[in-house]
Amino acid sequence: MRFLLLVLALGAVVPFGASAAPAAAVAPPPAIGCPSLANLRLLLRQAKNDAGGAAAMLADDKADHLGCAVVARETVSGISEHLSLNGNAYDCLTLRTTAICQWVVAGTVAPSGATPGKSRSGDKGRAPEKAAPPEKAAPSEKARR
């Protein structure tokens, strides 16, 4: 009886006549690129970090695309910059079709023979450090007396 249940269970998973050949290769997720990293992060947040969902949003002509588009992999000529922000990594791709690099999730597109771009890391919780202008610098000890 157990043998029959096992055969039936396996029959539901692997139908008769199916070969044990490996499944067809899964297509890579679409490369969503934006000229602004903030817009890419917003689009991905709206799509719940699903590249397919983001591509579907971009296919809607009535939606606000935030300047983002699906990047054709054959147009990528290299990676100009890499950024880590809040535990997520992003690449800015140089494209043959435009002078403006397009931000994508790191690893989405790996151009052949590309040299890695300069790497930056960001900390969203920390305010950027700015030097005070010379005319508004803190008064010296002698001037305070």
Protein backbone atom coordinates (compact mmCIF):
# COMPACT_ATOMS: atom_id res chain seq x y z
CA MET A 1 0.00 0.00 0.00
CA ARG A 2 2.82 2.44 0.86
CA PHE A 3 4.49 1.63 -2.45
CA LEU A 4 1.31 2.50 -4.33
CA LEU A 5 1.02 5.85 -2.49
CA LEU A 6 4.67 6.61 -3.26
CA VAL A 7 4.15 5.84 -6.97
CA LEU A 8 1.04 8.01 -7.07
CA ALA A 9 2.82 10.88 -5.33
CA LEU A 10 5.76 10.69 -7.71
CA GLY A 11 3.40 10.40 -10.66
CA ALA A 12 1.87 13.73 -9.68
CA VAL A 13 5.32 15.34 -9.58
CA VAL A 14 6.92 13.63 -12.61
CA PRO A 15 4.36 12.51 -15.20
CA PHE A 16 4.92 9.26 -17.07
CA GLY A 17 7.01 9.66 -20.20
CA ALA A 18 8.86 12.66 -18.79
CA SER A 19 12.60 12.41 -19.10
CA ALA A 20 15.02 13.12 -16.31
CA ALA A 21 16.69 15.81 -18.45
CA PRO A 22 17.36 19.11 -16.70
CA ALA A 23 14.68 21.78 -16.95
CA ALA A 24 15.06 24.59 -19.48
CA ALA A 25 17.23 27.46 -18.32
CA VAL A 26 15.31 30.12 -16.47
CA ALA A 27 15.44 33.54 -18.11
CA PRO A 28 17.24 36.17 -16.04
CA PRO A 29 15.07 38.85 -14.46
CA PRO A 30 14.62 42.02 -16.51
CA ALA A 31 17.20 44.72 -15.88
CA ILE A 32 15.32 47.79 -14.66
CA GLY A 33 17.43 50.93 -15.02
CA CYS A 34 16.81 54.49 -13.85
CA PRO A 35 18.90 57.63 -14.29
CA SER A 36 18.31 58.33 -10.58
CA LEU A 37 19.06 55.83 -7.81
CA ALA A 38 16.23 57.31 -5.73
CA ASN A 39 13.75 56.60 -8.53
CA LEU A 40 15.02 53.03 -8.89
CA ARG A 41 14.58 52.43 -5.16
CA LEU A 42 11.09 53.94 -5.25
CA LEU A 43 10.04 51.81 -8.23
CA LEU A 44 11.40 48.65 -6.61
CA ARG A 45 9.62 49.49 -3.35
CA GLN A 46 6.34 49.90 -5.25
CA ALA A 47 6.92 46.53 -6.97
CA LYS A 48 7.87 44.86 -3.65
CA ASN A 49 11.43 44.21 -4.95
CA ASP A 50 10.12 42.10 -7.83
CA ALA A 51 11.88 42.92 -11.11
CA GLY A 52 9.11 41.24 -13.11
CA GLY A 53 6.50 43.34 -11.31
CA ALA A 54 8.52 46.48 -11.95
CA ALA A 55 8.79 45.58 -15.65
CA ALA A 56 5.01 45.12 -15.75
CA MET A 57 4.58 48.56 -14.19
CA LEU A 58 6.88 50.02 -16.86
CA ALA A 59 4.82 48.37 -19.61
CA ASP A 60 1.76 50.41 -18.55
CA ASP A 61 1.72 53.56 -20.69
CA LYS A 62 -0.43 55.43 -18.17
CA ALA A 63 1.87 54.79 -15.20
CA ASP A 64 4.51 57.22 -13.95
CA HIS A 65 7.78 55.57 -14.93
CA LEU A 66 10.05 57.95 -13.00
CA GLY A 67 12.39 57.96 -16.01
CA CYS A 68 13.00 54.23 -15.60
CA ALA A 69 12.99 51.62 -18.36
CA VAL A 70 13.94 48.03 -19.03
CA VAL A 71 17.60 48.06 -20.06
CA ALA A 72 18.51 45.99 -23.11
CA ARG A 73 21.45 43.86 -22.03
CA GLU A 74 23.21 44.20 -25.40
CA THR A 75 23.42 48.01 -24.96
CA VAL A 76 25.46 47.78 -21.75
CA SER A 77 29.08 48.74 -22.28
CA GLY A 78 30.28 48.71 -18.68
CA ILE A 79 29.76 49.58 -15.04
CA SER A 80 30.74 53.13 -14.19
CA GLU A 81 29.97 53.10 -10.48
CA HIS A 82 29.01 50.73 -7.66
CA LEU A 83 27.20 51.82 -4.50
CA SER A 84 26.15 50.04 -1.32
CA LEU A 85 23.28 51.63 0.55
CA ASN A 86 21.49 50.18 3.58
CA GLY A 87 22.70 46.67 2.84
CA ASN A 88 21.68 46.78 -0.84
CA ALA A 89 24.14 47.06 -3.73
CA TYR A 90 23.57 49.00 -6.94
CA ASP A 91 25.52 49.47 -10.19
CA CYS A 92 25.38 52.41 -12.55
CA LEU A 93 25.67 51.06 -16.08
CA THR A 94 27.15 52.91 -19.01
CA LEU A 95 25.07 52.31 -22.11
CA ARG A 96 25.92 52.67 -25.77
CA THR A 97 22.65 54.54 -26.36
CA THR A 98 23.01 57.37 -23.81
CA ALA A 99 25.64 59.32 -21.91
CA ILE A 100 23.65 59.08 -18.66
CA CYS A 101 24.41 56.00 -16.61
CA GLN A 102 21.46 53.87 -15.51
CA TRP A 103 21.19 52.58 -11.94
CA VAL A 104 20.28 48.90 -11.59
CA VAL A 105 20.39 46.37 -8.78
CA ALA A 106 23.98 45.10 -8.60
CA GLY A 107 24.53 41.83 -10.41
CA THR A 108 21.49 42.22 -12.66
CA VAL A 109 23.67 42.80 -15.71
CA ALA A 110 27.27 41.66 -15.98
CA PRO A 111 28.73 43.02 -19.21
CA SER A 112 31.49 40.89 -20.64
CA GLY A 113 34.93 42.34 -20.12
CA ALA A 114 33.60 45.18 -17.98
CA THR A 115 35.88 46.71 -15.46
CA PRO A 116 34.31 47.46 -12.12
CA GLY A 117 33.52 51.09 -11.52
CA LYS A 118 34.49 53.12 -8.53
CA SER A 119 32.81 51.92 -5.37
CA ARG A 120 31.01 54.06 -2.84
CA SER A 121 29.11 53.23 0.28
CA GLY A 122 26.32 55.31 1.70
CA ASP A 123 24.72 55.58 5.10
CA LYS A 124 21.17 56.83 4.89
CA GLY A 125 20.97 57.50 8.62
CA ARG A 126 23.96 59.83 8.79
CA ALA A 127 23.93 63.43 7.60
CA PRO A 128 26.56 64.25 4.96
CA GLU A 129 29.63 66.00 6.24
CA LYS A 130 30.02 69.51 4.90
CA ALA A 131 32.77 71.97 5.59
CA ALA A 132 31.69 75.37 6.83
CA PRO A 133 32.45 78.25 4.47
CA PRO A 134 35.51 80.29 5.55
CA GLU A 135 33.46 83.42 6.32
CA LYS A 136 31.19 81.49 8.70
CA ALA A 137 33.92 79.53 10.46
CA ALA A 138 33.89 79.46 14.24
CA PRO A 139 35.44 82.58 15.81
CA SER A 140 38.92 82.15 17.18
CA GLU A 141 39.59 82.04 20.94
CA LYS A 142 41.12 85.53 20.82
CA ALA A 143 38.06 87.05 19.09
CA ARG A 144 35.67 85.65 21.73
CA ARG A 145 37.36 87.51 24.62
